[in-house]
Amino acid sequence: MYEVQSFEPIIANESEVLILGTMPGEQSLQKGEYYANTRNQFWKIIYSIFDIKPDVEYKEKILFLKSKRIALWDVVDMCERQGSLDSNIKNEKPNNITSIISQYPNLRCVIFNGSKAHELFKKHIGLKVLEPLVYKTLPSTSPVPGKYVKSLDEKIDQWKVIKDYLS
């Protein structure tokens, strides 16, 4: 068990959708990049909902998110965890998401990348913070199978809801 820390948010003044994960996995922490594990389907899903082939370079991926008015962060700022599994997160401290929500008035929707992100948000922050924002819990993009395993196509289909909140 060791202490890990999340990254800074990726957000722009124009951001309308905030996607919240739990905490970066080991490969992401080592590379300093969100969703660096090539088995994680996040980047495939995000690009697929816009019918675009994913960029290879991380900097290009970040520019793509910002161009689509999508922000990215994690619910957890610091925690103790062995490995990358969300189920191993212990003694977590949340990020100051209420501050981000108040600083970026164009945000319209918060997307939880999996049920664990939603659960941790409710535990530490509470859903009242989101009013009048819409919030949605979508299937995790993680490569680790959970209770409700979905195919990549099923996930893409569900994640397309993001486009409903982008102008």
Protein backbone atom coordinates (compact mmCIF):
# COMPACT_ATOMS: atom_id res chain seq x y z
CA MET A 1 0.00 0.00 0.00
CA TYR A 2 1.48 3.35 -0.97
CA GLU A 3 0.24 6.93 -1.35
CA VAL A 4 -0.62 8.18 -4.83
CA GLN A 5 -1.73 11.57 -6.08
CA SER A 6 -3.98 12.50 -8.98
CA PHE A 7 -3.22 14.95 -11.78
CA GLU A 8 -4.35 18.52 -12.33
CA PRO A 9 -7.63 18.85 -14.21
CA ILE A 10 -7.71 19.24 -17.96
CA ILE A 11 -10.24 22.01 -18.44
CA ALA A 12 -10.82 25.15 -20.47
CA ASN A 13 -13.15 28.12 -20.03
CA GLU A 14 -15.37 26.69 -22.79
CA SER A 15 -15.70 23.24 -21.16
CA GLU A 16 -19.30 22.04 -20.97
CA VAL A 17 -18.86 18.41 -19.88
CA LEU A 18 -16.67 17.30 -16.97
CA ILE A 19 -15.67 13.62 -16.98
CA LEU A 20 -14.62 12.36 -13.56
CA GLY A 21 -12.66 9.15 -13.07
CA THR A 22 -11.57 7.77 -9.72
CA MET A 23 -7.75 7.92 -9.62
CA PRO A 24 -5.13 7.30 -12.33
CA GLY A 25 -3.82 3.75 -12.53
CA GLU A 26 -0.17 2.77 -12.19
CA GLN A 27 0.70 3.17 -15.88
CA SER A 28 -0.97 6.58 -15.99
CA LEU A 29 0.88 7.71 -12.88
CA GLN A 30 4.20 6.51 -14.30
CA LYS A 31 3.65 8.32 -17.62
CA GLY A 32 1.93 11.38 -16.13
CA GLU A 33 -0.98 10.92 -18.54
CA TYR A 34 -4.67 10.28 -18.04
CA TYR A 35 -5.73 6.82 -19.30
CA ALA A 36 -2.20 5.76 -20.34
CA ASN A 37 -2.97 2.04 -20.06
CA THR A 38 -3.47 1.01 -23.69
CA ARG A 39 -6.06 -1.54 -22.56
CA ASN A 40 -8.23 1.23 -21.08
CA GLN A 41 -10.87 2.10 -23.66
CA PHE A 42 -11.28 5.78 -22.70
CA TRP A 43 -9.54 7.33 -25.71
CA LYS A 44 -11.12 4.87 -28.17
CA ILE A 45 -14.56 5.68 -26.79
CA ILE A 46 -14.13 9.46 -26.71
CA TYR A 47 -12.85 9.62 -30.29
CA SER A 48 -15.42 7.08 -31.52
CA ILE A 49 -18.39 9.14 -30.35
CA PHE A 50 -17.16 11.84 -32.76
CA ASP A 51 -16.33 9.30 -35.51
CA ILE A 52 -12.64 10.23 -35.44
CA LYS A 53 -9.54 8.02 -35.30
CA PRO A 54 -7.66 8.58 -31.99
CA ASP A 55 -4.53 10.69 -31.99
CA VAL A 56 -1.34 8.93 -30.94
CA GLU A 57 0.33 11.76 -29.04
CA TYR A 58 -1.00 12.65 -25.58
CA LYS A 59 -0.73 16.41 -26.27
CA GLU A 60 -2.99 15.96 -29.30
CA LYS A 61 -5.50 14.00 -27.23
CA ILE A 62 -5.68 16.85 -24.72
CA LEU A 63 -6.17 19.41 -27.49
CA PHE A 64 -8.92 17.20 -28.92
CA LEU A 65 -10.75 17.08 -25.57
CA LYS A 66 -10.53 20.84 -25.18
CA SER A 67 -11.69 21.42 -28.78
CA LYS A 68 -14.79 19.32 -28.00
CA ARG A 69 -15.39 21.31 -24.77
CA ILE A 70 -14.74 18.24 -22.59
CA ALA A 71 -12.92 18.51 -19.26
CA LEU A 72 -11.22 15.65 -17.44
CA TRP A 73 -10.36 15.10 -13.79
CA ASP A 74 -10.62 12.56 -10.97
CA VAL A 75 -12.78 12.46 -7.87
CA VAL A 76 -9.82 11.42 -5.70
CA ASP A 77 -6.85 13.74 -5.17
CA MET A 78 -4.77 11.45 -2.91
CA CYS A 79 -5.19 7.94 -1.58
CA GLU A 80 -3.40 4.82 -0.53
CA ARG A 81 -3.55 2.05 -3.11
CA GLN A 82 -1.71 -1.08 -4.11
CA GLY A 83 -1.87 -1.55 -7.89
CA SER A 84 -4.46 0.11 -10.12
CA LEU A 85 -7.76 -1.37 -8.95
CA ASP A 86 -10.40 1.07 -7.71
CA SER A 87 -11.37 -1.52 -5.10
CA ASN A 88 -7.92 -1.03 -3.52
CA ILE A 89 -8.40 2.71 -2.92
CA LYS A 90 -8.10 3.47 0.80
CA ASN A 91 -8.00 6.64 2.92
CA GLU A 92 -8.94 8.78 -0.05
CA LYS A 93 -9.04 12.57 -0.04
CA PRO A 94 -11.23 14.16 -2.72
CA ASN A 95 -10.29 16.82 -5.22
CA ASN A 96 -11.96 20.21 -4.78
CA ILE A 97 -14.57 19.60 -7.46
CA THR A 98 -16.95 22.20 -6.05
CA SER A 99 -14.32 24.83 -6.78
CA ILE A 100 -13.97 23.69 -10.40
CA ILE A 101 -17.73 23.69 -10.86
CA SER A 102 -17.97 27.26 -9.56
CA GLN A 103 -14.96 28.48 -11.61
CA TYR A 104 -16.26 27.14 -14.93
CA PRO A 105 -19.82 28.37 -15.44
CA ASN A 106 -20.15 26.75 -18.89
CA LEU A 107 -20.18 23.27 -17.35
CA ARG A 108 -23.55 21.65 -17.99
CA CYS A 109 -22.97 17.98 -17.25
CA VAL A 110 -20.78 15.80 -15.04
CA ILE A 111 -20.04 12.30 -16.32
CA PHE A 112 -18.78 9.65 -13.91
CA ASN A 113 -16.46 7.16 -15.59
CA GLY A 114 -17.86 4.11 -13.81
CA SER A 115 -19.87 3.52 -10.68
CA LYS A 116 -16.87 3.79 -8.30
CA ALA A 117 -16.26 7.42 -9.36
CA HIS A 118 -19.94 8.17 -8.73
CA GLU A 119 -19.88 6.37 -5.38
CA LEU A 120 -16.78 8.25 -4.18
CA PHE A 121 -18.23 11.57 -5.32
CA LYS A 122 -21.45 10.95 -3.38
CA LYS A 123 -19.46 9.89 -0.31
CA HIS A 124 -17.12 12.90 -0.21
CA ILE A 125 -18.90 15.71 -2.01
CA GLY A 126 -22.57 14.88 -2.45
CA LEU A 127 -24.81 15.28 -5.46
CA LYS A 128 -26.37 18.59 -4.37
CA VAL A 129 -23.19 20.29 -5.56
CA LEU A 130 -24.18 19.40 -9.09
CA GLU A 131 -27.51 21.20 -9.13
CA PRO A 132 -28.47 22.46 -11.66
CA LEU A 133 -25.89 20.39 -13.54
CA VAL A 134 -26.93 17.07 -15.01
CA TYR A 135 -24.98 14.06 -13.88
CA LYS A 136 -24.65 10.67 -15.52
CA THR A 137 -22.83 7.50 -14.55
CA LEU A 138 -21.48 5.68 -17.59
CA PRO A 139 -19.83 2.28 -17.89
CA SER A 140 -16.21 2.30 -16.81
CA THR A 141 -13.64 2.47 -19.58
CA SER A 142 -11.29 0.37 -17.42
CA PRO A 143 -9.86 -2.87 -18.80
CA VAL A 144 -10.71 -4.64 -15.53
CA PRO A 145 -14.00 -6.48 -15.89
CA GLY A 146 -16.65 -5.47 -13.40
CA LYS A 147 -20.11 -6.71 -12.51
CA TYR A 148 -21.69 -5.30 -15.65
CA VAL A 149 -19.25 -6.07 -18.45
CA LYS A 150 -20.13 -4.33 -21.72
CA SER A 151 -18.57 -4.58 -25.15
CA LEU A 152 -16.68 -1.63 -26.61
CA ASP A 153 -19.60 -0.94 -28.98
CA GLU A 154 -22.08 -0.95 -26.10
CA LYS A 155 -19.89 1.47 -24.15
CA ILE A 156 -19.51 3.78 -27.16
CA ASP A 157 -23.27 3.77 -27.62
CA GLN A 158 -23.84 4.77 -23.97
CA TRP A 159 -21.04 7.34 -23.93
CA LYS A 160 -22.59 9.14 -26.93
CA VAL A 161 -24.86 10.90 -24.39
CA ILE A 162 -21.98 13.35 -23.92
CA LYS A 163 -22.86 14.96 -27.24
CA ASP A 164 -26.30 15.91 -25.86
CA TYR A 165 -24.58 18.38 -23.49
CA LEU A 166 -22.22 20.01 -25.97
CA SER A 167 -23.26 23.08 -27.91
